[in-house]
Amino acid sequence: VRKALNKAEFDAGLKVRQSWVSIAGDHIQAQDSHGLVKIEKGDRIITVKDVEKVLEDASHLVLSPDREIIHVLPQEFLVDEQSRVKKPIGINAATLGVRAHIITAASTCRQNIENGVLQAGYECEGMVLQSLASAMATLFPEEEDLGVALLDIGGGTTDLAIFLREGMRYTTVLGVGGNHITNDIAVGFHTTTTKAEDIKVRYGSASLSCLDTDEKIEVERVAGRETYIASGEELVEVIQPRVEEMFELVDRELKKSGYKGFNNSWSCAYRRMFPIKRNQRSL
């Protein structure tokens, strides 16, 4: 943790005192919830306090003692149980409802991450779901409004998040990632995981059409075995099945989500990072 933060400080030319830390893993769970509150008598104008109350009402879930809420993400607000709005503050109403996407995590995992940051000498201001942080860094508001699926392929897991009408509608964590590809190369080529990772980064491809046909790959094998010269085609034969498995799982989750017909957008363009509000209870 200290090494990563030191590099971030060096690259940015800034000194970090506080940090927002991403959280991911197959312990992450998500579910939709509803909240409803009455607007106090008087002028019956919805205020920030009313929004906070309805989000709090939506967060009243029955959780096991080893789990805790990371985010309460509003999808849409309902004014008088009829009109759907994105920004209800200032509207005259008798009741305010909300449909929210609740993200929970294992308490021990969250605590271990926070302890690691503290031990590195930094303050942990809060946690943010990794796929949400990725979306904030890569997606444009127009994409989140029209509909987009974001895929974040990590080492041990792959995060999938669906956004529509500027709200997170579905999120899941798949138990397959880049490390599985590395392990496949190590087993297939009888080499170390360190060498396999280097081969993946330098030569890896899941498609024959992307190969340099003349390129040869020198593979240092384990246990003193003779160095092997592999072709790009052989590497594709190892990588392609795992990547196909990954996208088959993604396709299954997309169908399971029930969201059909949104743009097939896979964004790789970075945009300005926006400040993350505590608990991501944005208004």
C-alpha atoms as a PDB file:
ATOM      1  CA  VAL A   1       0.000   0.000   0.000  1.00  0.00           C
ATOM      2  CA  ARG A   2       2.769   2.411   0.926  1.00  0.00           C
ATOM      3  CA  LYS A   3       4.585   1.722  -2.349  1.00  0.00           C
ATOM      4  CA  ALA A   4       1.457   2.361  -4.422  1.00  0.00           C
ATOM      5  CA  LEU A   5       0.638   5.595  -2.601  1.00  0.00           C
ATOM      6  CA  ASN A   6       4.225   6.804  -2.841  1.00  0.00           C
ATOM      7  CA  LYS A   7       4.106   6.281  -6.599  1.00  0.00           C
ATOM      8  CA  ALA A   8       0.778   8.114  -6.816  1.00  0.00           C
ATOM      9  CA  GLU A   9       2.267  11.040  -4.901  1.00  0.00           C
ATOM     10  CA  PHE A  10       5.314  11.101  -7.171  1.00  0.00           C
ATOM     11  CA  ASP A  11       3.259  10.937 -10.380  1.00  0.00           C
ATOM     12  CA  ALA A  12       0.823  13.630  -9.222  1.00  0.00           C
ATOM     13  CA  GLY A  13       3.419  15.850  -7.597  1.00  0.00           C
ATOM     14  CA  LEU A  14       1.221  16.085  -4.507  1.00  0.00           C
ATOM     15  CA  LYS A  15       1.376  14.926  -0.912  1.00  0.00           C
ATOM     16  CA  VAL A  16      -1.479  12.610   0.074  1.00  0.00           C
ATOM     17  CA  ARG A  17      -2.912  12.947   3.569  1.00  0.00           C
ATOM     18  CA  GLN A  18      -6.298  11.337   3.156  1.00  0.00           C
ATOM     19  CA  SER A  19      -7.433   8.703   0.698  1.00  0.00           C
ATOM     20  CA  TRP A  20     -10.506   7.058  -0.747  1.00  0.00           C
ATOM     21  CA  VAL A  21      -9.812   3.358  -1.171  1.00  0.00           C
ATOM     22  CA  SER A  22     -11.508   1.063  -3.667  1.00  0.00           C
ATOM     23  CA  ILE A  23     -12.993  -2.194  -2.459  1.00  0.00           C
ATOM     24  CA  ALA A  24     -13.692  -5.248  -4.616  1.00  0.00           C
ATOM     25  CA  GLY A  25     -13.823  -9.026  -4.441  1.00  0.00           C
ATOM     26  CA  ASP A  26     -16.317 -11.840  -4.542  1.00  0.00           C
ATOM     27  CA  HIS A  27     -17.568 -10.853  -1.066  1.00  0.00           C
ATOM     28  CA  ILE A  28     -19.265  -7.789  -2.600  1.00  0.00           C
ATOM     29  CA  GLN A  29     -23.049  -8.096  -2.872  1.00  0.00           C
ATOM     30  CA  ALA A  30     -25.738  -5.801  -4.260  1.00  0.00           C
ATOM     31  CA  GLN A  31     -29.492  -5.547  -3.954  1.00  0.00           C
ATOM     32  CA  ASP A  32     -32.214  -3.039  -4.767  1.00  0.00           C
ATOM     33  CA  SER A  33     -34.249  -1.388  -2.045  1.00  0.00           C
ATOM     34  CA  HIS A  34     -37.019   1.184  -1.590  1.00  0.00           C
ATOM     35  CA  GLY A  35     -37.530   4.021   0.853  1.00  0.00           C
ATOM     36  CA  LEU A  36     -40.470   6.329   1.592  1.00  0.00           C
ATOM     37  CA  VAL A  37     -40.852   9.309   3.935  1.00  0.00           C
ATOM     38  CA  LYS A  38     -43.493  11.963   4.555  1.00  0.00           C
ATOM     39  CA  ILE A  39     -42.593  15.587   3.979  1.00  0.00           C
ATOM     40  CA  GLU A  40     -43.091  17.717   7.096  1.00  0.00           C
ATOM     41  CA  LYS A  41     -46.160  19.926   7.161  1.00  0.00           C
ATOM     42  CA  GLY A  42     -45.726  23.564   6.224  1.00  0.00           C
ATOM     43  CA  ASP A  43     -44.633  24.540   2.749  1.00  0.00           C
ATOM     44  CA  ARG A  44     -43.939  20.815   2.004  1.00  0.00           C
ATOM     45  CA  ILE A  45     -40.835  21.619  -0.011  1.00  0.00           C
ATOM     46  CA  ILE A  46     -38.369  18.719  -0.328  1.00  0.00           C
ATOM     47  CA  THR A  47     -35.038  19.554   1.303  1.00  0.00           C
ATOM     48  CA  VAL A  48     -31.626  17.931   1.556  1.00  0.00           C
ATOM     49  CA  LYS A  49     -32.680  16.587   4.945  1.00  0.00           C
ATOM     50  CA  ASP A  50     -35.669  14.824   3.357  1.00  0.00           C
ATOM     51  CA  VAL A  51     -33.409  13.186   0.784  1.00  0.00           C
ATOM     52  CA  GLU A  52     -31.075  12.005   3.527  1.00  0.00           C
ATOM     53  CA  LYS A  53     -34.043  10.577   5.440  1.00  0.00           C
ATOM     54  CA  VAL A  54     -35.419   8.619   2.485  1.00  0.00           C
ATOM     55  CA  LEU A  55     -31.987   7.177   1.673  1.00  0.00           C
ATOM     56  CA  GLU A  56     -31.638   6.186   5.318  1.00  0.00           C
ATOM     57  CA  ASP A  57     -35.047   4.503   5.122  1.00  0.00           C
ATOM     58  CA  ALA A  58     -33.944   2.564   2.021  1.00  0.00           C
ATOM     59  CA  SER A  59     -30.827   1.374   3.850  1.00  0.00           C
ATOM     60  CA  HIS A  60     -32.780  -0.440   6.585  1.00  0.00           C
ATOM     61  CA  LEU A  61     -31.882  -3.938   5.418  1.00  0.00           C
ATOM     62  CA  VAL A  62     -31.611  -7.145   7.381  1.00  0.00           C
ATOM     63  CA  LEU A  63     -27.897  -7.937   7.209  1.00  0.00           C
ATOM     64  CA  SER A  64     -25.866 -10.643   8.889  1.00  0.00           C
ATOM     65  CA  PRO A  65     -23.484  -9.377  11.610  1.00  0.00           C
ATOM     66  CA  ASP A  66     -20.461  -9.886   9.360  1.00  0.00           C
ATOM     67  CA  ARG A  67     -21.686  -7.552   6.595  1.00  0.00           C
ATOM     68  CA  GLU A  68     -22.037  -3.791   6.269  1.00  0.00           C
ATOM     69  CA  ILE A  69     -23.328  -1.243   3.774  1.00  0.00           C
ATOM     70  CA  ILE A  70     -20.727   0.479   1.590  1.00  0.00           C
ATOM     71  CA  HIS A  71     -23.018   2.528  -0.665  1.00  0.00           C
ATOM     72  CA  VAL A  72     -26.640   3.597  -0.901  1.00  0.00           C
ATOM     73  CA  LEU A  73     -26.924   4.641  -4.558  1.00  0.00           C
ATOM     74  CA  PRO A  74     -30.166   6.389  -5.559  1.00  0.00           C
ATOM     75  CA  GLN A  75     -31.522   5.263  -8.920  1.00  0.00           C
ATOM     76  CA  GLU A  76     -34.565   7.527  -9.015  1.00  0.00           C
ATOM     77  CA  PHE A  77     -36.786   9.475  -6.644  1.00  0.00           C
ATOM     78  CA  LEU A  78     -40.574   9.307  -6.582  1.00  0.00           C
ATOM     79  CA  VAL A  79     -42.584  12.392  -5.671  1.00  0.00           C
ATOM     80  CA  ASP A  80     -45.988  11.539  -4.175  1.00  0.00           C
ATOM     81  CA  GLU A  81     -45.405   7.949  -5.364  1.00  0.00           C
ATOM     82  CA  GLN A  82     -45.980   9.016  -8.967  1.00  0.00           C
ATOM     83  CA  SER A  83     -43.563  11.436 -10.602  1.00  0.00           C
ATOM     84  CA  ARG A  84     -40.051  10.074 -11.147  1.00  0.00           C
ATOM     85  CA  VAL A  85     -37.312  12.660 -10.813  1.00  0.00           C
ATOM     86  CA  LYS A  86     -33.526  12.687 -10.529  1.00  0.00           C
ATOM     87  CA  LYS A  87     -33.211  15.809  -8.368  1.00  0.00           C
ATOM     88  CA  PRO A  88     -36.158  16.205  -5.993  1.00  0.00           C
ATOM     89  CA  ILE A  89     -34.840  19.071  -3.854  1.00  0.00           C
ATOM     90  CA  GLY A  90     -37.094  22.110  -4.071  1.00  0.00           C
ATOM     91  CA  ILE A  91     -40.173  20.228  -5.321  1.00  0.00           C
ATOM     92  CA  ASN A  92     -43.477  20.564  -3.456  1.00  0.00           C
ATOM     93  CA  ALA A  93     -44.730  17.152  -2.289  1.00  0.00           C
ATOM     94  CA  ALA A  94     -46.453  15.185   0.456  1.00  0.00           C
ATOM     95  CA  THR A  95     -44.178  12.136   0.230  1.00  0.00           C
ATOM     96  CA  LEU A  96     -40.751  11.323  -1.156  1.00  0.00           C
ATOM     97  CA  GLY A  97     -39.750   7.841  -2.242  1.00  0.00           C
ATOM     98  CA  VAL A  98     -36.551   6.399  -3.647  1.00  0.00           C
ATOM     99  CA  ARG A  99     -35.392   3.339  -5.512  1.00  0.00           C
ATOM    100  CA  ALA A 100     -31.829   2.619  -4.452  1.00  0.00           C
ATOM    101  CA  HIS A 101     -29.041   0.163  -5.243  1.00  0.00           C
ATOM    102  CA  ILE A 102     -27.400  -1.044  -2.022  1.00  0.00           C
ATOM    103  CA  ILE A 103     -23.806  -2.299  -2.024  1.00  0.00           C
ATOM    104  CA  THR A 104     -22.633  -4.394   0.922  1.00  0.00           C
ATOM    105  CA  ALA A 105     -19.276  -5.925   1.799  1.00  0.00           C
ATOM    106  CA  ALA A 106     -17.792  -8.316   4.322  1.00  0.00           C
ATOM    107  CA  SER A 107     -16.872  -6.301   7.412  1.00  0.00           C
ATOM    108  CA  THR A 108     -13.557  -8.109   7.881  1.00  0.00           C
ATOM    109  CA  CYS A 109     -12.453  -7.346   4.309  1.00  0.00           C
ATOM    110  CA  ARG A 110     -13.295  -3.673   4.693  1.00  0.00           C
ATOM    111  CA  GLN A 111     -11.483  -3.506   8.028  1.00  0.00           C
ATOM    112  CA  ASN A 112      -8.390  -5.247   6.650  1.00  0.00           C
ATOM    113  CA  ILE A 113      -8.183  -2.758   3.778  1.00  0.00           C
ATOM    114  CA  GLU A 114      -8.569   0.195   6.123  1.00  0.00           C
ATOM    115  CA  ASN A 115      -5.944  -1.210   8.502  1.00  0.00           C
ATOM    116  CA  GLY A 116      -3.506  -1.606   5.615  1.00  0.00           C
ATOM    117  CA  VAL A 117      -3.926   2.038   4.640  1.00  0.00           C
ATOM    118  CA  LEU A 118      -3.537   3.222   8.240  1.00  0.00           C
ATOM    119  CA  GLN A 119      -0.417   1.106   8.747  1.00  0.00           C
ATOM    120  CA  ALA A 120       1.060   2.695   5.621  1.00  0.00           C
ATOM    121  CA  GLY A 121       0.718   6.066   7.344  1.00  0.00           C
ATOM    122  CA  TYR A 122      -2.350   7.435   5.570  1.00  0.00           C
ATOM    123  CA  GLU A 123      -5.885   8.268   6.653  1.00  0.00           C
ATOM    124  CA  CYS A 124      -8.728   6.330   5.046  1.00  0.00           C
ATOM    125  CA  GLU A 125     -11.475   8.857   4.323  1.00  0.00           C
ATOM    126  CA  GLY A 126     -13.815   6.185   2.991  1.00  0.00           C
ATOM    127  CA  MET A 127     -14.408   3.212   0.716  1.00  0.00           C
ATOM    128  CA  VAL A 128     -15.702   3.191  -2.846  1.00  0.00           C
ATOM    129  CA  LEU A 129     -16.764   0.178  -4.884  1.00  0.00           C
ATOM    130  CA  GLN A 130     -14.070  -0.488  -7.472  1.00  0.00           C
ATOM    131  CA  SER A 131     -16.452  -0.639 -10.439  1.00  0.00           C
ATOM    132  CA  LEU A 132     -18.015   2.656  -9.336  1.00  0.00           C
ATOM    133  CA  ALA A 133     -14.592   4.301  -9.148  1.00  0.00           C
ATOM    134  CA  SER A 134     -13.769   2.906 -12.604  1.00  0.00           C
ATOM    135  CA  ALA A 135     -17.014   4.329 -13.961  1.00  0.00           C
ATOM    136  CA  MET A 136     -16.237   7.756 -12.535  1.00  0.00           C
ATOM    137  CA  ALA A 137     -12.842   7.663 -14.248  1.00  0.00           C
ATOM    138  CA  THR A 138     -13.880   6.321 -17.658  1.00  0.00           C
ATOM    139  CA  LEU A 139     -17.553   6.916 -18.423  1.00  0.00           C
ATOM    140  CA  PHE A 140     -19.166  10.089 -19.694  1.00  0.00           C
ATOM    141  CA  PRO A 141     -22.476  11.228 -18.145  1.00  0.00           C
ATOM    142  CA  GLU A 142     -24.173  10.729 -21.510  1.00  0.00           C
ATOM    143  CA  GLU A 143     -23.157   7.066 -21.506  1.00  0.00           C
ATOM    144  CA  GLU A 144     -24.473   6.526 -17.996  1.00  0.00           C
ATOM    145  CA  ASP A 145     -27.744   8.160 -19.027  1.00  0.00           C
ATOM    146  CA  LEU A 146     -28.313   6.239 -22.290  1.00  0.00           C
ATOM    147  CA  GLY A 147     -27.134   2.918 -20.869  1.00  0.00           C
ATOM    148  CA  VAL A 148     -23.719   1.314 -20.659  1.00  0.00           C
ATOM    149  CA  ALA A 149     -22.094  -1.840 -19.325  1.00  0.00           C
ATOM    150  CA  LEU A 150     -18.691  -1.333 -17.740  1.00  0.00           C
ATOM    151  CA  LEU A 151     -16.306  -4.263 -17.417  1.00  0.00           C
ATOM    152  CA  ASP A 152     -13.291  -3.947 -15.129  1.00  0.00           C
ATOM    153  CA  ILE A 153     -10.976  -6.948 -15.476  1.00  0.00           C
ATOM    154  CA  GLY A 154      -8.754  -7.235 -12.430  1.00  0.00           C
ATOM    155  CA  GLY A 155      -6.315  -9.859 -11.240  1.00  0.00           C
ATOM    156  CA  GLY A 156      -8.526 -12.296  -9.373  1.00  0.00           C
ATOM    157  CA  THR A 157     -11.972 -11.000 -10.290  1.00  0.00           C
ATOM    158  CA  THR A 158     -13.867  -9.129 -12.994  1.00  0.00           C
ATOM    159  CA  ASP A 159     -16.340  -6.398 -12.042  1.00  0.00           C
ATOM    160  CA  LEU A 160     -19.449  -5.772 -14.137  1.00  0.00           C
ATOM    161  CA  ALA A 161     -21.655  -2.721 -13.637  1.00  0.00           C
ATOM    162  CA  ILE A 162     -24.652  -1.539 -15.647  1.00  0.00           C
ATOM    163  CA  PHE A 163     -25.634   2.123 -15.695  1.00  0.00           C
ATOM    164  CA  LEU A 164     -28.869   3.565 -17.058  1.00  0.00           C
ATOM    165  CA  ARG A 165     -30.508   6.982 -16.601  1.00  0.00           C
ATOM    166  CA  GLU A 166     -27.420   8.103 -14.679  1.00  0.00           C
ATOM    167  CA  GLY A 167     -27.793   5.432 -12.003  1.00  0.00           C
ATOM    168  CA  MET A 168     -26.107   2.122 -11.250  1.00  0.00           C
ATOM    169  CA  ARG A 169     -28.742  -0.518 -11.994  1.00  0.00           C
ATOM    170  CA  TYR A 170     -26.837  -3.765 -11.656  1.00  0.00           C
ATOM    171  CA  THR A 171     -23.457  -4.853 -10.377  1.00  0.00           C
ATOM    172  CA  THR A 172     -21.753  -8.168  -9.825  1.00  0.00           C
ATOM    173  CA  VAL A 173     -18.301  -9.643  -9.318  1.00  0.00           C
ATOM    174  CA  LEU A 174     -17.139 -12.610 -11.399  1.00  0.00           C
ATOM    175  CA  GLY A 175     -14.547 -14.988  -9.996  1.00  0.00           C
ATOM    176  CA  VAL A 176     -12.202 -14.876 -12.979  1.00  0.00           C
ATOM    177  CA  GLY A 177      -9.564 -12.338 -13.958  1.00  0.00           C
ATOM    178  CA  GLY A 178      -6.153 -11.704 -15.415  1.00  0.00           C
ATOM    179  CA  ASN A 179      -4.358 -13.924 -12.900  1.00  0.00           C
ATOM    180  CA  HIS A 180      -6.220 -16.925 -14.299  1.00  0.00           C
ATOM    181  CA  ILE A 181      -4.764 -16.169 -17.731  1.00  0.00           C
ATOM    182  CA  THR A 182      -1.305 -15.909 -16.179  1.00  0.00           C
ATOM    183  CA  ASN A 183      -1.729 -19.282 -14.468  1.00  0.00           C
ATOM    184  CA  ASP A 184      -2.921 -20.863 -17.724  1.00  0.00           C
ATOM    185  CA  ILE A 185       0.229 -19.656 -19.474  1.00  0.00           C
ATOM    186  CA  ALA A 186       2.430 -20.917 -16.627  1.00  0.00           C
ATOM    187  CA  VAL A 187       0.856 -24.381 -16.802  1.00  0.00           C
ATOM    188  CA  GLY A 188       0.697 -24.541 -20.585  1.00  0.00           C
ATOM    189  CA  PHE A 189       4.275 -23.432 -21.140  1.00  0.00           C
ATOM    190  CA  HIS A 190       5.792 -25.039 -17.999  1.00  0.00           C
ATOM    191  CA  THR A 191       7.191 -21.759 -16.727  1.00  0.00           C
ATOM    192  CA  THR A 192       6.974 -19.639 -13.584  1.00  0.00           C
ATOM    193  CA  THR A 193       4.046 -17.320 -12.914  1.00  0.00           C
ATOM    194  CA  THR A 194       6.457 -14.365 -13.004  1.00  0.00           C
ATOM    195  CA  LYS A 195       7.621 -15.280 -16.490  1.00  0.00           C
ATOM    196  CA  ALA A 196       4.067 -16.104 -17.538  1.00  0.00           C
ATOM    197  CA  GLU A 197       2.910 -12.638 -16.453  1.00  0.00           C
ATOM    198  CA  ASP A 198       5.691 -11.071 -18.498  1.00  0.00           C
ATOM    199  CA  ILE A 199       4.702 -13.132 -21.547  1.00  0.00           C
ATOM    200  CA  LYS A 200       1.055 -12.150 -21.131  1.00  0.00           C
ATOM    201  CA  VAL A 201       1.842  -8.443 -20.913  1.00  0.00           C
ATOM    202  CA  ARG A 202       4.367  -8.391 -23.755  1.00  0.00           C
ATOM    203  CA  TYR A 203       2.857 -10.833 -26.238  1.00  0.00           C
ATOM    204  CA  GLY A 204      -0.624 -11.744 -25.023  1.00  0.00           C
ATOM    205  CA  SER A 205      -3.583 -11.805 -27.412  1.00  0.00           C
ATOM    206  CA  ALA A 206      -6.895 -13.643 -27.520  1.00  0.00           C
ATOM    207  CA  SER A 207      -7.206 -13.314 -31.297  1.00  0.00           C
ATOM    208  CA  LEU A 208      -5.080 -14.644 -34.129  1.00  0.00           C
ATOM    209  CA  SER A 209      -5.902 -11.548 -36.183  1.00  0.00           C
ATOM    210  CA  CYS A 210      -3.908  -9.366 -33.769  1.00  0.00           C
ATOM    211  CA  LEU A 211      -0.715 -11.402 -33.961  1.00  0.00           C
ATOM    212  CA  ASP A 212       2.637 -10.592 -35.451  1.00  0.00           C
ATOM    213  CA  THR A 213       3.063 -13.863 -37.345  1.00  0.00           C
ATOM    214  CA  ASP A 214       6.858 -13.636 -37.351  1.00  0.00           C
ATOM    215  CA  GLU A 215       7.212 -13.016 -33.630  1.00  0.00           C
ATOM    216  CA  LYS A 216       8.764 -15.751 -31.502  1.00  0.00           C
ATOM    217  CA  ILE A 217       8.469 -16.019 -27.743  1.00  0.00           C
ATOM    218  CA  GLU A 218      11.357 -17.265 -25.636  1.00  0.00           C
ATOM    219  CA  VAL A 219      10.039 -19.260 -22.683  1.00  0.00           C
ATOM    220  CA  GLU A 220      12.292 -20.081 -19.736  1.00  0.00           C
ATOM    221  CA  ARG A 221      10.979 -23.351 -18.339  1.00  0.00           C
ATOM    222  CA  VAL A 222      11.070 -24.526 -14.736  1.00  0.00           C
ATOM    223  CA  ALA A 223      13.339 -27.170 -13.192  1.00  0.00           C
ATOM    224  CA  GLY A 224      16.217 -26.371 -15.511  1.00  0.00           C
ATOM    225  CA  ARG A 225      14.400 -27.543 -18.596  1.00  0.00           C
ATOM    226  CA  GLU A 226      15.564 -26.360 -21.983  1.00  0.00           C
ATOM    227  CA  THR A 227      14.318 -22.935 -23.085  1.00  0.00           C
ATOM    228  CA  TYR A 228      11.377 -23.242 -25.449  1.00  0.00           C
ATOM    229  CA  ILE A 229      10.630 -21.008 -28.424  1.00  0.00           C
ATOM    230  CA  ALA A 230       6.867 -20.594 -28.715  1.00  0.00           C
ATOM    231  CA  SER A 231       4.809 -19.015 -31.463  1.00  0.00           C
ATOM    232  CA  GLY A 232       2.098 -16.428 -31.077  1.00  0.00           C
ATOM    233  CA  GLU A 233      -0.445 -18.991 -32.258  1.00  0.00           C
ATOM    234  CA  GLU A 234       0.449 -21.267 -29.340  1.00  0.00           C
ATOM    235  CA  LEU A 235      -0.025 -18.404 -26.900  1.00  0.00           C
ATOM    236  CA  VAL A 236      -3.449 -17.585 -28.363  1.00  0.00           C
ATOM    237  CA  GLU A 237      -4.459 -21.234 -27.945  1.00  0.00           C
ATOM    238  CA  VAL A 238      -3.777 -20.864 -24.213  1.00  0.00           C
ATOM    239  CA  ILE A 239      -5.309 -17.416 -23.688  1.00  0.00           C
ATOM    240  CA  GLN A 240      -8.382 -17.593 -25.912  1.00  0.00           C
ATOM    241  CA  PRO A 241     -10.367 -20.254 -23.991  1.00  0.00           C
ATOM    242  CA  ARG A 242     -10.061 -18.334 -20.714  1.00  0.00           C
ATOM    243  CA  VAL A 243     -11.103 -15.048 -22.331  1.00  0.00           C
ATOM    244  CA  GLU A 244     -14.055 -16.785 -23.992  1.00  0.00           C
ATOM    245  CA  GLU A 245     -15.070 -18.170 -20.594  1.00  0.00           C
ATOM    246  CA  MET A 246     -14.831 -14.690 -19.105  1.00  0.00           C
ATOM    247  CA  PHE A 247     -17.097 -13.136 -21.724  1.00  0.00           C
ATOM    248  CA  GLU A 248     -19.542 -16.024 -21.577  1.00  0.00           C
ATOM    249  CA  LEU A 249     -19.917 -15.292 -17.851  1.00  0.00           C
ATOM    250  CA  VAL A 250     -20.363 -11.604 -18.635  1.00  0.00           C
ATOM    251  CA  ASP A 251     -23.002 -12.398 -21.264  1.00  0.00           C
ATOM    252  CA  ARG A 252     -24.829 -14.601 -18.768  1.00  0.00           C
ATOM    253  CA  GLU A 253     -24.876 -11.794 -16.205  1.00  0.00           C
ATOM    254  CA  LEU A 254     -26.077  -9.266 -18.781  1.00  0.00           C
ATOM    255  CA  LYS A 255     -29.016 -11.523 -19.586  1.00  0.00           C
ATOM    256  CA  LYS A 256     -29.628 -12.164 -15.891  1.00  0.00           C
ATOM    257  CA  SER A 257     -29.743  -8.427 -15.194  1.00  0.00           C
ATOM    258  CA  GLY A 258     -32.828  -7.998 -17.351  1.00  0.00           C
ATOM    259  CA  TYR A 259     -31.435  -4.898 -19.038  1.00  0.00           C
ATOM    260  CA  LYS A 260     -31.594  -5.340 -22.800  1.00  0.00           C
ATOM    261  CA  GLY A 261     -30.970  -3.019 -25.685  1.00  0.00           C
ATOM    262  CA  PHE A 262     -28.638  -0.517 -24.022  1.00  0.00           C
ATOM    263  CA  ASN A 263     -25.604   0.718 -25.911  1.00  0.00           C
ATOM    264  CA  ASN A 264     -22.797  -1.804 -26.244  1.00  0.00           C
ATOM    265  CA  SER A 265     -20.301   0.763 -25.008  1.00  0.00           C
ATOM    266  CA  TRP A 266     -16.934  -0.267 -23.651  1.00  0.00           C
ATOM    267  CA  SER A 267     -15.286   2.967 -22.635  1.00  0.00           C
ATOM    268  CA  CYS A 268     -11.520   3.299 -22.432  1.00  0.00           C
ATOM    269  CA  ALA A 269     -11.346   7.098 -22.593  1.00  0.00           C
ATOM    270  CA  TYR A 270     -10.417   8.676 -19.276  1.00  0.00           C
ATOM    271  CA  ARG A 271     -12.192  11.769 -18.022  1.00  0.00           C
ATOM    272  CA  ARG A 272     -11.819  14.028 -15.020  1.00  0.00           C
ATOM    273  CA  MET A 273     -12.332  12.343 -11.659  1.00  0.00           C
ATOM    274  CA  PHE A 274     -15.197  13.860  -9.693  1.00  0.00           C
ATOM    275  CA  PRO A 275     -15.139  14.108  -5.886  1.00  0.00           C
ATOM    276  CA  ILE A 276     -16.738  11.130  -4.164  1.00  0.00           C
ATOM    277  CA  LYS A 277     -19.172  12.051  -1.429  1.00  0.00           C
ATOM    278  CA  ARG A 278     -19.160  10.053   1.772  1.00  0.00           C
ATOM    279  CA  ASN A 279     -21.194   6.847   1.306  1.00  0.00           C
ATOM    280  CA  GLN A 280     -21.811   8.061  -2.282  1.00  0.00           C
ATOM    281  CA  ARG A 281     -25.210   9.375  -1.230  1.00  0.00           C
ATOM    282  CA  SER A 282     -25.169  11.969  -3.987  1.00  0.00           C
ATOM    283  CA  LEU A 283     -28.128  14.280  -4.372  1.00  0.00           C
END
